Amino acid sequence: MGKVSLEGIEFHAYHGAYPEENVLGNRFTLDLELETDFKKAMLQDDLKSTVDYTKLYKIIKDRMDVRVKLLEHLGHLIIEDILKYYPDTKEIKITLKKHHPSLGGLVKYSAVEIHYPQDYD
C-alpha cells in the first residue's frame, strides 16, 4: 500500500447556497490523499498499474464545474467519482476550502475534510 496526493489544486467555481455565489463564483482549493496498492508500479514503472495524476485532476475538475450548494456534498461527489474510476482505492481524504466565503466578515476560508471509508460508515 502507498499514498498518492495532490495538494493545493485551485479552481474558480460557482458553488454556494447564496445567489451571489452562483454569479460571482469563488476560489476553491482542494487537497487529496488516497491510499492504494501501487507495488506493481514501483516494480514495473508502468502508469497503468497505478493512479494517474492527470486522470485524478480531470475527475476533480469535471466535478468542480458542476454547481452544488454545499462543500460537504461536493466532497462526497468527488470521492464517488474517484471510486468509479479507481474502485480498488482503500482510503481517500479530501480537504476542500472556499476562500473568503460570504459570511459578513473577513474569513480566510471555510473548509470541510471528508474521509473515505470512515465518513461512509
PDB file of N, CA and C in Angstrom:
ATOM      1  N   MET A   1       0.835  -1.186   0.000  1.00  0.00           N
ATOM      2  CA  MET A   1       0.000   0.000   0.000  1.00  0.00           C
ATOM      3  C   MET A   1       0.876   1.244   0.000  1.00  0.00           C
ATOM      4  N   GLY A   2       0.351   2.277  -0.572  1.00  0.00           N
ATOM      5  CA  GLY A   2       1.040   3.554  -0.580  1.00  0.00           C
ATOM      6  C   GLY A   2       0.042   4.678  -0.707  1.00  0.00           C
ATOM      7  N   LYS A   3       0.518   5.892  -0.546  1.00  0.00           N
ATOM      8  CA  LYS A   3      -0.350   7.067  -0.641  1.00  0.00           C
ATOM      9  C   LYS A   3       0.056   7.926  -1.824  1.00  0.00           C
ATOM     10  N   VAL A   4      -0.947   8.418  -2.500  1.00  0.00           N
ATOM     11  CA  VAL A   4      -0.791   9.345  -3.614  1.00  0.00           C
ATOM     12  C   VAL A   4      -1.505  10.618  -3.198  1.00  0.00           C
ATOM     13  N   SER A   5      -0.909  11.771  -3.456  1.00  0.00           N
ATOM     14  CA  SER A   5      -1.589  13.007  -3.078  1.00  0.00           C
ATOM     15  C   SER A   5      -1.413  14.082  -4.141  1.00  0.00           C
ATOM     16  N   LEU A   6      -2.415  14.927  -4.202  1.00  0.00           N
ATOM     17  CA  LEU A   6      -2.374  16.167  -4.977  1.00  0.00           C
ATOM     18  C   LEU A   6      -2.728  17.260  -3.989  1.00  0.00           C
ATOM     19  N   GLU A   7      -1.891  18.257  -3.874  1.00  0.00           N
ATOM     20  CA  GLU A   7      -2.109  19.292  -2.859  1.00  0.00           C
ATOM     21  C   GLU A   7      -2.173  20.673  -3.489  1.00  0.00           C
ATOM     22  N   GLY A   8      -3.103  21.462  -2.973  1.00  0.00           N
ATOM     23  CA  GLY A   8      -3.215  22.845  -3.409  1.00  0.00           C
ATOM     24  C   GLY A   8      -3.789  23.021  -4.799  1.00  0.00           C
ATOM     25  N   ILE A   9      -4.670  22.114  -5.204  1.00  0.00           N
ATOM     26  CA  ILE A   9      -5.320  22.267  -6.508  1.00  0.00           C
ATOM     27  C   ILE A   9      -6.272  23.455  -6.398  1.00  0.00           C
ATOM     28  N   GLU A  10      -6.176  24.404  -7.314  1.00  0.00           N
ATOM     29  CA  GLU A  10      -7.012  25.610  -7.241  1.00  0.00           C
ATOM     30  C   GLU A  10      -7.968  25.689  -8.420  1.00  0.00           C
ATOM     31  N   PHE A  11      -9.166  26.148  -8.096  1.00  0.00           N
ATOM     32  CA  PHE A  11     -10.213  26.333  -9.102  1.00  0.00           C
ATOM     33  C   PHE A  11     -10.981  27.615  -8.808  1.00  0.00           C
ATOM     34  N   HIS A  12     -11.521  28.200  -9.855  1.00  0.00           N
ATOM     35  CA  HIS A  12     -12.550  29.219  -9.696  1.00  0.00           C
ATOM     36  C   HIS A  12     -13.844  28.501 -10.059  1.00  0.00           C
ATOM     37  N   ALA A  13     -14.805  28.499  -9.120  1.00  0.00           N
ATOM     38  CA  ALA A  13     -16.047  27.761  -9.346  1.00  0.00           C
ATOM     39  C   ALA A  13     -17.211  28.526  -8.718  1.00  0.00           C
ATOM     40  N   TYR A  14     -18.402  28.013  -8.912  1.00  0.00           N
ATOM     41  CA  TYR A  14     -19.624  28.737  -8.557  1.00  0.00           C
ATOM     42  C   TYR A  14     -20.491  27.963  -7.561  1.00  0.00           C
ATOM     43  N   HIS A  15     -19.872  27.413  -6.539  1.00  0.00           N
ATOM     44  CA  HIS A  15     -20.587  26.648  -5.524  1.00  0.00           C
ATOM     45  C   HIS A  15     -21.030  27.560  -4.388  1.00  0.00           C
ATOM     46  N   GLY A  16     -22.201  27.284  -3.839  1.00  0.00           N
ATOM     47  CA  GLY A  16     -22.668  28.041  -2.688  1.00  0.00           C
ATOM     48  C   GLY A  16     -24.173  28.044  -2.575  1.00  0.00           C
ATOM     49  N   ALA A  17     -24.632  28.341  -1.391  1.00  0.00           N
ATOM     50  CA  ALA A  17     -26.062  28.351  -1.104  1.00  0.00           C
ATOM     51  C   ALA A  17     -26.708  29.698  -1.397  1.00  0.00           C
ATOM     52  N   TYR A  18     -25.895  30.731  -1.635  1.00  0.00           N
ATOM     53  CA  TYR A  18     -26.432  32.085  -1.835  1.00  0.00           C
ATOM     54  C   TYR A  18     -26.332  32.478  -3.309  1.00  0.00           C
ATOM     55  N   PRO A  19     -27.334  33.219  -3.805  1.00  0.00           N
ATOM     56  CA  PRO A  19     -27.369  33.575  -5.228  1.00  0.00           C
ATOM     57  C   PRO A  19     -26.103  34.268  -5.724  1.00  0.00           C
ATOM     58  N   GLU A  20     -25.528  35.169  -4.921  1.00  0.00           N
ATOM     59  CA  GLU A  20     -24.332  35.884  -5.384  1.00  0.00           C
ATOM     60  C   GLU A  20     -23.143  34.952  -5.606  1.00  0.00           C
ATOM     61  N   GLU A  21     -23.096  33.842  -4.872  1.00  0.00           N
ATOM     62  CA  GLU A  21     -22.007  32.880  -5.060  1.00  0.00           C
ATOM     63  C   GLU A  21     -22.118  32.183  -6.410  1.00  0.00           C
ATOM     64  N   ASN A  22     -23.339  32.012  -6.881  1.00  0.00           N
ATOM     65  CA  ASN A  22     -23.561  31.372  -8.170  1.00  0.00           C
ATOM     66  C   ASN A  22     -23.304  32.312  -9.341  1.00  0.00           C
ATOM     67  N   VAL A  23     -23.248  33.613  -9.059  1.00  0.00           N
ATOM     68  CA  VAL A  23     -22.985  34.605 -10.098  1.00  0.00           C
ATOM     69  C   VAL A  23     -21.502  34.977 -10.125  1.00  0.00           C
ATOM     70  N   LEU A  24     -20.969  35.313  -8.960  1.00  0.00           N
ATOM     71  CA  LEU A  24     -19.582  35.781  -8.866  1.00  0.00           C
ATOM     72  C   LEU A  24     -18.564  34.644  -8.828  1.00  0.00           C
ATOM     73  N   GLY A  25     -18.962  33.537  -8.253  1.00  0.00           N
ATOM     74  CA  GLY A  25     -18.028  32.434  -8.078  1.00  0.00           C
ATOM     75  C   GLY A  25     -17.045  32.732  -6.956  1.00  0.00           C
ATOM     76  N   ASN A  26     -16.110  31.840  -6.781  1.00  0.00           N
ATOM     77  CA  ASN A  26     -15.141  31.967  -5.709  1.00  0.00           C
ATOM     78  C   ASN A  26     -13.933  31.095  -6.015  1.00  0.00           C
ATOM     79  N   ARG A  27     -12.882  31.293  -5.253  1.00  0.00           N
ATOM     80  CA  ARG A  27     -11.677  30.482  -5.362  1.00  0.00           C
ATOM     81  C   ARG A  27     -11.792  29.315  -4.387  1.00  0.00           C
ATOM     82  N   PHE A  28     -11.473  28.127  -4.869  1.00  0.00           N
ATOM     83  CA  PHE A  28     -11.507  26.917  -4.064  1.00  0.00           C
ATOM     84  C   PHE A  28     -10.146  26.239  -4.142  1.00  0.00           C
ATOM     85  N   THR A  29      -9.753  25.625  -3.044  1.00  0.00           N
ATOM     86  CA  THR A  29      -8.524  24.845  -3.004  1.00  0.00           C
ATOM     87  C   THR A  29      -8.870  23.448  -2.504  1.00  0.00           C
ATOM     88  N   LEU A  30      -8.289  22.455  -3.135  1.00  0.00           N
ATOM     89  CA  LEU A  30      -8.557  21.076  -2.761  1.00  0.00           C
ATOM     90  C   LEU A  30      -7.248  20.331  -2.542  1.00  0.00           C
ATOM     91  N   ASP A  31      -7.183  19.588  -1.448  1.00  0.00           N
ATOM     92  CA  ASP A  31      -6.081  18.663  -1.176  1.00  0.00           C
ATOM     93  C   ASP A  31      -6.669  17.267  -1.195  1.00  0.00           C
ATOM     94  N   LEU A  32      -5.993  16.354  -1.868  1.00  0.00           N
ATOM     95  CA  LEU A  32      -6.461  14.983  -1.997  1.00  0.00           C
ATOM     96  C   LEU A  32      -5.343  14.031  -1.600  1.00  0.00           C
ATOM     97  N   GLU A  33      -5.702  13.054  -0.813  1.00  0.00           N
ATOM     98  CA  GLU A  33      -4.768  11.979  -0.467  1.00  0.00           C
ATOM     99  C   GLU A  33      -5.529  10.674  -0.595  1.00  0.00           C
ATOM    100  N   LEU A  34      -4.948   9.713  -1.301  1.00  0.00           N
ATOM    101  CA  LEU A  34      -5.604   8.417  -1.385  1.00  0.00           C
ATOM    102  C   LEU A  34      -4.606   7.301  -1.170  1.00  0.00           C
ATOM    103  N   GLU A  35      -5.110   6.218  -0.616  1.00  0.00           N
ATOM    104  CA  GLU A  35      -4.276   5.050  -0.347  1.00  0.00           C
ATOM    105  C   GLU A  35      -4.680   3.942  -1.301  1.00  0.00           C
ATOM    106  N   THR A  36      -3.673   3.379  -1.945  1.00  0.00           N
ATOM    107  CA  THR A  36      -3.917   2.325  -2.920  1.00  0.00           C
ATOM    108  C   THR A  36      -2.688   1.425  -2.983  1.00  0.00           C
ATOM    109  N   ASP A  37      -2.836   0.318  -3.643  1.00  0.00           N
ATOM    110  CA  ASP A  37      -1.716  -0.605  -3.812  1.00  0.00           C
ATOM    111  C   ASP A  37      -0.979  -0.234  -5.095  1.00  0.00           C
ATOM    112  N   PHE A  38       0.216   0.321  -4.951  1.00  0.00           N
ATOM    113  CA  PHE A  38       0.979   0.629  -6.160  1.00  0.00           C
ATOM    114  C   PHE A  38       2.323  -0.102  -6.195  1.00  0.00           C
ATOM    115  N   LYS A  39       2.361  -1.258  -5.552  1.00  0.00           N
ATOM    116  CA  LYS A  39       3.593  -2.066  -5.556  1.00  0.00           C
ATOM    117  C   LYS A  39       3.993  -2.453  -6.987  1.00  0.00           C
ATOM    118  N   LYS A  40       3.013  -2.848  -7.795  1.00  0.00           N
ATOM    119  CA  LYS A  40       3.292  -3.236  -9.178  1.00  0.00           C
ATOM    120  C   LYS A  40       3.941  -2.077  -9.949  1.00  0.00           C
ATOM    121  N   ALA A  41       3.438  -0.876  -9.740  1.00  0.00           N
ATOM    122  CA  ALA A  41       4.005   0.300 -10.411  1.00  0.00           C
ATOM    123  C   ALA A  41       5.435   0.564  -9.940  1.00  0.00           C
ATOM    124  N   MET A  42       5.678   0.339  -8.647  1.00  0.00           N
ATOM    125  CA  MET A  42       7.033   0.537  -8.116  1.00  0.00           C
ATOM    126  C   MET A  42       8.017  -0.418  -8.794  1.00  0.00           C
ATOM    127  N   LEU A  43       7.575  -1.624  -9.060  1.00  0.00           N
ATOM    128  CA  LEU A  43       8.458  -2.647  -9.617  1.00  0.00           C
ATOM    129  C   LEU A  43       8.558  -2.598 -11.139  1.00  0.00           C
ATOM    130  N   GLN A  44       7.484  -2.163 -11.803  1.00  0.00           N
ATOM    131  CA  GLN A  44       7.437  -2.257 -13.261  1.00  0.00           C
ATOM    132  C   GLN A  44       7.503  -0.923 -14.000  1.00  0.00           C
ATOM    133  N   ASP A  45       7.416   0.195 -13.293  1.00  0.00           N
ATOM    134  CA  ASP A  45       7.460   1.509 -13.928  1.00  0.00           C
ATOM    135  C   ASP A  45       6.406   1.642 -15.027  1.00  0.00           C
ATOM    136  N   ASP A  46       5.157   1.249 -14.690  1.00  0.00           N
ATOM    137  CA  ASP A  46       4.061   1.234 -15.643  1.00  0.00           C
ATOM    138  C   ASP A  46       2.900   2.069 -15.107  1.00  0.00           C
ATOM    139  N   LEU A  47       2.550   3.134 -15.802  1.00  0.00           N
ATOM    140  CA  LEU A  47       1.489   4.036 -15.371  1.00  0.00           C
ATOM    141  C   LEU A  47       0.135   3.328 -15.226  1.00  0.00           C
ATOM    142  N   LYS A  48      -0.105   2.312 -16.038  1.00  0.00           N
ATOM    143  CA  LYS A  48      -1.380   1.598 -15.986  1.00  0.00           C
ATOM    144  C   LYS A  48      -1.573   0.845 -14.673  1.00  0.00           C
ATOM    145  N   SER A  49      -0.514   0.643 -13.908  1.00  0.00           N
ATOM    146  CA  SER A  49      -0.625  -0.124 -12.671  1.00  0.00           C
ATOM    147  C   SER A  49      -0.682   0.772 -11.430  1.00  0.00           C
ATOM    148  N   THR A  50      -0.981   2.048 -11.646  1.00  0.00           N
ATOM    149  CA  THR A  50      -1.093   2.970 -10.514  1.00  0.00           C
ATOM    150  C   THR A  50      -2.150   4.032 -10.820  1.00  0.00           C
ATOM    151  N   VAL A  51      -2.251   5.002  -9.961  1.00  0.00           N
ATOM    152  CA  VAL A  51      -3.185   6.102 -10.134  1.00  0.00           C
ATOM    153  C   VAL A  51      -2.526   7.174 -10.998  1.00  0.00           C
ATOM    154  N   ASP A  52      -3.201   7.571 -12.047  1.00  0.00           N
ATOM    155  CA  ASP A  52      -2.701   8.589 -12.968  1.00  0.00           C
ATOM    156  C   ASP A  52      -3.108   9.967 -12.439  1.00  0.00           C
ATOM    157  N   TYR A  53      -2.133  10.796 -12.077  1.00  0.00           N
ATOM    158  CA  TYR A  53      -2.417  12.125 -11.515  1.00  0.00           C
ATOM    159  C   TYR A  53      -3.228  12.981 -12.478  1.00  0.00           C
ATOM    160  N   THR A  54      -2.940  12.848 -13.766  1.00  0.00           N
ATOM    161  CA  THR A  54      -3.673  13.621 -14.767  1.00  0.00           C
ATOM    162  C   THR A  54      -5.149  13.239 -14.767  1.00  0.00           C
ATOM    163  N   LYS A  55      -5.435  11.958 -14.656  1.00  0.00           N
ATOM    164  CA  LYS A  55      -6.822  11.497 -14.608  1.00  0.00           C
ATOM    165  C   LYS A  55      -7.495  11.967 -13.318  1.00  0.00           C
ATOM    166  N   LEU A  56      -6.780  11.897 -12.193  1.00  0.00           N
ATOM    167  CA  LEU A  56      -7.332  12.388 -10.929  1.00  0.00           C
ATOM    168  C   LEU A  56      -7.708  13.858 -11.036  1.00  0.00           C
ATOM    169  N   TYR A  57      -6.814  14.655 -11.602  1.00  0.00           N
ATOM    170  CA  TYR A  57      -7.083  16.082 -11.753  1.00  0.00           C
ATOM    171  C   TYR A  57      -8.330  16.303 -12.610  1.00  0.00           C
ATOM    172  N   LYS A  58      -8.444  15.560 -13.708  1.00  0.00           N
ATOM    173  CA  LYS A  58      -9.600  15.715 -14.596  1.00  0.00           C
ATOM    174  C   LYS A  58     -10.900  15.329 -13.884  1.00  0.00           C
ATOM    175  N   ILE A  59     -10.867  14.253 -13.106  1.00  0.00           N
ATOM    176  CA  ILE A  59     -12.051  13.838 -12.342  1.00  0.00           C
ATOM    177  C   ILE A  59     -12.497  14.978 -11.426  1.00  0.00           C
ATOM    178  N   ILE A  60     -11.545  15.566 -10.716  1.00  0.00           N
ATOM    179  CA  ILE A  60     -11.849  16.656  -9.783  1.00  0.00           C
ATOM    180  C   ILE A  60     -12.334  17.892 -10.533  1.00  0.00           C
ATOM    181  N   LYS A  61     -11.631  18.263 -11.598  1.00  0.00           N
ATOM    182  CA  LYS A  61     -12.019  19.459 -12.366  1.00  0.00           C
ATOM    183  C   LYS A  61     -13.423  19.316 -12.944  1.00  0.00           C
ATOM    184  N   ASP A  62     -13.723  18.151 -13.510  1.00  0.00           N
ATOM    185  CA  ASP A  62     -15.051  17.940 -14.087  1.00  0.00           C
ATOM    186  C   ASP A  62     -16.137  18.092 -13.026  1.00  0.00           C
ATOM    187  N   ARG A  63     -15.884  17.611 -11.831  1.00  0.00           N
ATOM    188  CA  ARG A  63     -16.866  17.735 -10.755  1.00  0.00           C
ATOM    189  C   ARG A  63     -16.955  19.176 -10.261  1.00  0.00           C
ATOM    190  N   MET A  64     -15.839  19.884 -10.215  1.00  0.00           N
ATOM    191  CA  MET A  64     -15.854  21.276  -9.770  1.00  0.00           C
ATOM    192  C   MET A  64     -16.659  22.154 -10.718  1.00  0.00           C
ATOM    193  N   ASP A  65     -16.808  21.734 -11.960  1.00  0.00           N
ATOM    194  CA  ASP A  65     -17.555  22.501 -12.953  1.00  0.00           C
ATOM    195  C   ASP A  65     -19.074  22.385 -12.790  1.00  0.00           C
ATOM    196  N   VAL A  66     -19.534  21.463 -11.937  1.00  0.00           N
ATOM    197  CA  VAL A  66     -20.972  21.258 -11.723  1.00  0.00           C
ATOM    198  C   VAL A  66     -21.353  21.907 -10.395  1.00  0.00           C
ATOM    199  N   ARG A  67     -22.214  22.916 -10.449  1.00  0.00           N
ATOM    200  CA  ARG A  67     -22.581  23.691  -9.254  1.00  0.00           C
ATOM    201  C   ARG A  67     -23.332  22.853  -8.221  1.00  0.00           C
ATOM    202  N   VAL A  68     -22.936  23.043  -6.967  1.00  0.00           N
ATOM    203  CA  VAL A  68     -23.667  22.483  -5.820  1.00  0.00           C
ATOM    204  C   VAL A  68     -23.722  23.558  -4.745  1.00  0.00           C
ATOM    205  N   LYS A  69     -24.546  23.347  -3.739  1.00  0.00           N
ATOM    206  CA  LYS A  69     -24.673  24.321  -2.667  1.00  0.00           C
ATOM    207  C   LYS A  69     -23.634  24.121  -1.565  1.00  0.00           C
ATOM    208  N   LEU A  70     -23.379  22.867  -1.201  1.00  0.00           N
ATOM    209  CA  LEU A  70     -22.586  22.583  -0.005  1.00  0.00           C
ATOM    210  C   LEU A  70     -21.235  21.937  -0.317  1.00  0.00           C
ATOM    211  N   LEU A  71     -20.206  22.376   0.394  1.00  0.00           N
ATOM    212  CA  LEU A  71     -18.879  21.762   0.252  1.00  0.00           C
ATOM    213  C   LEU A  71     -18.916  20.280   0.625  1.00  0.00           C
ATOM    214  N   GLU A  72     -19.709  19.942   1.625  1.00  0.00           N
ATOM    215  CA  GLU A  72     -19.810  18.543   2.049  1.00  0.00           C
ATOM    216  C   GLU A  72     -20.297  17.660   0.898  1.00  0.00           C
ATOM    217  N   HIS A  73     -21.298  18.146   0.189  1.00  0.00           N
ATOM    218  CA  HIS A  73     -21.851  17.392  -0.938  1.00  0.00           C
ATOM    219  C   HIS A  73     -20.834  17.313  -2.074  1.00  0.00           C
ATOM    220  N   LEU A  74     -20.175  18.408  -2.338  1.00  0.00           N
ATOM    221  CA  LEU A  74     -19.157  18.443  -3.393  1.00  0.00           C
ATOM    222  C   LEU A  74     -18.035  17.442  -3.098  1.00  0.00           C
ATOM    223  N   GLY A  75     -17.548  17.433  -1.865  1.00  0.00           N
ATOM    224  CA  GLY A  75     -16.504  16.477  -1.490  1.00  0.00           C
ATOM    225  C   GLY A  75     -16.955  15.042  -1.667  1.00  0.00           C
ATOM    226  N   HIS A  76     -18.187  14.763  -1.267  1.00  0.00           N
ATOM    227  CA  HIS A  76     -18.749  13.416  -1.428  1.00  0.00           C
ATOM    228  C   HIS A  76     -18.802  13.023  -2.905  1.00  0.00           C
ATOM    229  N   LEU A  77     -19.262  13.927  -3.755  1.00  0.00           N
ATOM    230  CA  LEU A  77     -19.351  13.629  -5.188  1.00  0.00           C
ATOM    231  C   LEU A  77     -17.982  13.372  -5.803  1.00  0.00           C
ATOM    232  N   ILE A  78     -16.979  14.124  -5.372  1.00  0.00           N
ATOM    233  CA  ILE A  78     -15.617  13.906  -5.877  1.00  0.00           C
ATOM    234  C   ILE A  78     -15.129  12.515  -5.476  1.00  0.00           C
ATOM    235  N   ILE A  79     -15.363  12.131  -4.228  1.00  0.00           N
ATOM    236  CA  ILE A  79     -14.965  10.800  -3.775  1.00  0.00           C
ATOM    237  C   ILE A  79     -15.674   9.721  -4.586  1.00  0.00           C
ATOM    238  N   GLU A  80     -16.975   9.883  -4.793  1.00  0.00           N
ATOM    239  CA  GLU A  80     -17.728   8.906  -5.584  1.00  0.00           C
ATOM    240  C   GLU A  80     -17.168   8.796  -7.005  1.00  0.00           C
ATOM    241  N   ASP A  81     -16.820   9.921  -7.606  1.00  0.00           N
ATOM    242  CA  ASP A  81     -16.259   9.913  -8.962  1.00  0.00           C
ATOM    243  C   ASP A  81     -14.902   9.204  -8.996  1.00  0.00           C
ATOM    244  N   ILE A  82     -14.076   9.448  -7.999  1.00  0.00           N
ATOM    245  CA  ILE A  82     -12.767   8.778  -7.938  1.00  0.00           C
ATOM    246  C   ILE A  82     -12.953   7.277  -7.798  1.00  0.00           C
ATOM    247  N   LEU A  83     -13.880   6.859  -6.941  1.00  0.00           N
ATOM    248  CA  LEU A  83     -14.108   5.432  -6.722  1.00  0.00           C
ATOM    249  C   LEU A  83     -14.661   4.732  -7.965  1.00  0.00           C
ATOM    250  N   LYS A  84     -15.405   5.457  -8.801  1.00  0.00           N
ATOM    251  CA  LYS A  84     -15.889   4.868 -10.053  1.00  0.00           C
ATOM    252  C   LYS A  84     -14.713   4.525 -10.965  1.00  0.00           C
ATOM    253  N   TYR A  85     -13.717   5.392 -10.994  1.00  0.00           N
ATOM    254  CA  TYR A  85     -12.578   5.185 -11.883  1.00  0.00           C
ATOM    255  C   TYR A  85     -11.499   4.311 -11.243  1.00  0.00           C
ATOM    256  N   TYR A  86     -11.342   4.422  -9.926  1.00  0.00           N
ATOM    257  CA  TYR A  86     -10.343   3.655  -9.187  1.00  0.00           C
ATOM    258  C   TYR A  86     -11.027   2.903  -8.044  1.00  0.00           C
ATOM    259  N   PRO A  87     -11.787   1.843  -8.351  1.00  0.00           N
ATOM    260  CA  PRO A  87     -12.569   1.150  -7.327  1.00  0.00           C
ATOM    261  C   PRO A  87     -11.728   0.424  -6.266  1.00  0.00           C
ATOM    262  N   ASP A  88     -10.466   0.172  -6.536  1.00  0.00           N
ATOM    263  CA  ASP A  88      -9.608  -0.516  -5.572  1.00  0.00           C
ATOM    264  C   ASP A  88      -8.979   0.420  -4.546  1.00  0.00           C
ATOM    265  N   THR A  89      -9.342   1.695  -4.596  1.00  0.00           N
ATOM    266  CA  THR A  89      -8.819   2.662  -3.634  1.00  0.00           C
ATOM    267  C   THR A  89      -9.285   2.280  -2.236  1.00  0.00           C
ATOM    268  N   LYS A  90      -8.346   2.226  -1.292  1.00  0.00           N
ATOM    269  CA  LYS A  90      -8.657   1.802   0.080  1.00  0.00           C
ATOM    270  C   LYS A  90      -9.135   2.964   0.948  1.00  0.00           C
ATOM    271  N   GLU A  91      -8.501   4.111   0.808  1.00  0.00           N
ATOM    272  CA  GLU A  91      -8.852   5.279   1.614  1.00  0.00           C
ATOM    273  C   GLU A  91      -8.699   6.538   0.773  1.00  0.00           C
ATOM    274  N   ILE A  92      -9.540   7.516   1.066  1.00  0.00           N
ATOM    275  CA  ILE A  92      -9.448   8.829   0.429  1.00  0.00           C
ATOM    276  C   ILE A  92      -9.665   9.880   1.501  1.00  0.00           C
ATOM    277  N   LYS A  93      -8.863  10.916   1.460  1.00  0.00           N
ATOM    278  CA  LYS A  93      -9.082  12.081   2.322  1.00  0.00           C
ATOM    279  C   LYS A  93      -9.084  13.313   1.430  1.00  0.00           C
ATOM    280  N   ILE A  94     -10.150  14.091   1.535  1.00  0.00           N
ATOM    281  CA  ILE A  94     -10.274  15.332   0.775  1.00  0.00           C
ATOM    282  C   ILE A  94     -10.436  16.489   1.752  1.00  0.00           C
ATOM    283  N   THR A  95      -9.665  17.537   1.542  1.00  0.00           N
ATOM    284  CA  THR A  95      -9.883  18.799   2.236  1.00  0.00           C
ATOM    285  C   THR A  95     -10.241  19.819   1.171  1.00  0.00           C
ATOM    286  N   LEU A  96     -11.409  20.416   1.315  1.00  0.00           N
ATOM    287  CA  LEU A  96     -11.926  21.356   0.336  1.00  0.00           C
ATOM    288  C   LEU A  96     -12.153  22.694   1.017  1.00  0.00           C
ATOM    289  N   LYS A  97     -11.517  23.751   0.472  1.00  0.00           N
ATOM    290  CA  LYS A  97     -11.599  25.083   1.071  1.00  0.00           C
ATOM    291  C   LYS A  97     -12.237  26.071   0.099  1.00  0.00           C
ATOM    292  N   LYS A  98     -13.133  26.886   0.636  1.00  0.00           N
ATOM    293  CA  LYS A  98     -13.706  28.002  -0.115  1.00  0.00           C
ATOM    294  C   LYS A  98     -13.077  29.269   0.450  1.00  0.00           C
ATOM    295  N   HIS A  99     -12.355  29.999  -0.387  1.00  0.00           N
ATOM    296  CA  HIS A  99     -11.641  31.196   0.064  1.00  0.00           C
ATOM    297  C   HIS A  99     -12.592  32.377   0.195  1.00  0.00           C
ATOM    298  N   HIS A 100     -12.413  33.133   1.247  1.00  0.00           N
ATOM    299  CA  HIS A 100     -13.185  34.346   1.515  1.00  0.00           C
ATOM    300  C   HIS A 100     -14.685  34.133   1.325  1.00  0.00           C
ATOM    301  N   PRO A 101     -15.264  33.186   2.085  1.00  0.00           N
ATOM    302  CA  PRO A 101     -16.703  32.926   1.944  1.00  0.00           C
ATOM    303  C   PRO A 101     -17.537  34.135   2.368  1.00  0.00           C
ATOM    304  N   SER A 102     -18.732  34.207   1.825  1.00  0.00           N
ATOM    305  CA  SER A 102     -19.654  35.316   2.112  1.00  0.00           C
ATOM    306  C   SER A 102     -20.292  35.116   3.483  1.00  0.00           C
ATOM    307  N   LEU A 103     -19.604  35.561   4.532  1.00  0.00           N
ATOM    308  CA  LEU A 103     -20.110  35.379   5.889  1.00  0.00           C
ATOM    309  C   LEU A 103     -20.356  36.696   6.600  1.00  0.00           C
ATOM    310  N   GLY A 104     -20.136  37.802   5.929  1.00  0.00           N
ATOM    311  CA  GLY A 104     -20.367  39.101   6.542  1.00  0.00           C
ATOM    312  C   GLY A 104     -19.165  39.671   7.272  1.00  0.00           C
ATOM    313  N   GLY A 105     -18.043  39.004   7.166  1.00  0.00           N
ATOM    314  CA  GLY A 105     -16.822  39.477   7.801  1.00  0.00           C
ATOM    315  C   GLY A 105     -15.620  38.840   7.120  1.00  0.00           C
ATOM    316  N   LEU A 106     -14.438  39.227   7.569  1.00  0.00           N
ATOM    317  CA  LEU A 106     -13.203  38.720   6.965  1.00  0.00           C
ATOM    318  C   LEU A 106     -12.914  37.304   7.466  1.00  0.00           C
ATOM    319  N   VAL A 107     -12.973  36.345   6.561  1.00  0.00           N
ATOM    320  CA  VAL A 107     -12.668  34.942   6.855  1.00  0.00           C
ATOM    321  C   VAL A 107     -11.763  34.449   5.740  1.00  0.00           C
ATOM    322  N   LYS A 108     -10.621  33.889   6.094  1.00  0.00           N
ATOM    323  CA  LYS A 108      -9.677  33.420   5.085  1.00  0.00           C
ATOM    324  C   LYS A 108     -10.293  32.318   4.222  1.00  0.00           C
ATOM    325  N   TYR A 109     -10.881  31.313   4.858  1.00  0.00           N
ATOM    326  CA  TYR A 109     -11.584  30.276   4.117  1.00  0.00           C
ATOM    327  C   TYR A 109     -12.461  29.460   5.053  1.00  0.00           C
ATOM    328  N   SER A 110     -13.449  28.819   4.465  1.00  0.00           N
ATOM    329  CA  SER A 110     -14.212  27.789   5.164  1.00  0.00           C
ATOM    330  C   SER A 110     -13.757  26.461   4.556  1.00  0.00           C
ATOM    331  N   ALA A 111     -13.838  25.387   5.329  1.00  0.00           N
ATOM    332  CA  ALA A 111     -13.295  24.128   4.837  1.00  0.00           C
ATOM    333  C   ALA A 111     -14.059  22.942   5.390  1.00  0.00           C
ATOM    334  N   VAL A 112     -14.035  21.861   4.616  1.00  0.00           N
ATOM    335  CA  VAL A 112     -14.515  20.564   5.084  1.00  0.00           C
ATOM    336  C   VAL A 112     -13.431  19.542   4.786  1.00  0.00           C
ATOM    337  N   GLU A 113     -13.381  18.522   5.625  1.00  0.00           N
ATOM    338  CA  GLU A 113     -12.470  17.406   5.409  1.00  0.00           C
ATOM    339  C   GLU A 113     -13.315  16.143   5.455  1.00  0.00           C
ATOM    340  N   ILE A 114     -13.219  15.339   4.424  1.00  0.00           N
ATOM    341  CA  ILE A 114     -14.016  14.123   4.314  1.00  0.00           C
ATOM    342  C   ILE A 114     -13.075  12.940   4.143  1.00  0.00           C
ATOM    343  N   HIS A 115     -13.358  11.875   4.889  1.00  0.00           N
ATOM    344  CA  HIS A 115     -12.554  10.660   4.842  1.00  0.00           C
ATOM    345  C   HIS A 115     -13.400   9.487   4.324  1.00  0.00           C
ATOM    346  N   TYR A 116     -12.884   8.794   3.349  1.00  0.00           N
ATOM    347  CA  TYR A 116     -13.497   7.548   2.903  1.00  0.00           C
ATOM    348  C   TYR A 116     -12.590   6.428   3.352  1.00  0.00           C
ATOM    349  N   PRO A 117     -13.042   5.371   3.986  1.00  0.00           N
ATOM    350  CA  PRO A 117     -14.427   4.990   4.204  1.00  0.00           C
ATOM    351  C   PRO A 117     -15.011   5.432   5.553  1.00  0.00           C
ATOM    352  N   GLN A 118     -14.227   6.071   6.420  1.00  0.00           N
ATOM    353  CA  GLN A 118     -14.704   6.395   7.770  1.00  0.00           C
ATOM    354  C   GLN A 118     -16.009   7.177   7.770  1.00  0.00           C
ATOM    355  N   ASP A 119     -16.123   8.220   6.982  1.00  0.00           N
ATOM    356  CA  ASP A 119     -17.332   9.048   6.971  1.00  0.00           C
ATOM    357  C   ASP A 119     -18.497   8.373   6.241  1.00  0.00           C
ATOM    358  N   TYR A 120     -18.266   7.190   5.685  1.00  0.00           N
ATOM    359  CA  TYR A 120     -19.293   6.489   4.919  1.00  0.00           C
ATOM    360  C   TYR A 120     -19.895   5.322   5.683  1.00  0.00           C
ATOM    361  N   ASP A 121     -19.457   5.114   6.902  1.00  0.00           N
ATOM    362  CA  ASP A 121     -19.994   4.004   7.713  1.00  0.00           C
ATOM    363  C   ASP A 121     -21.322   4.361   8.329  1.00  0.00           C
TER     364      ASP A 121
END
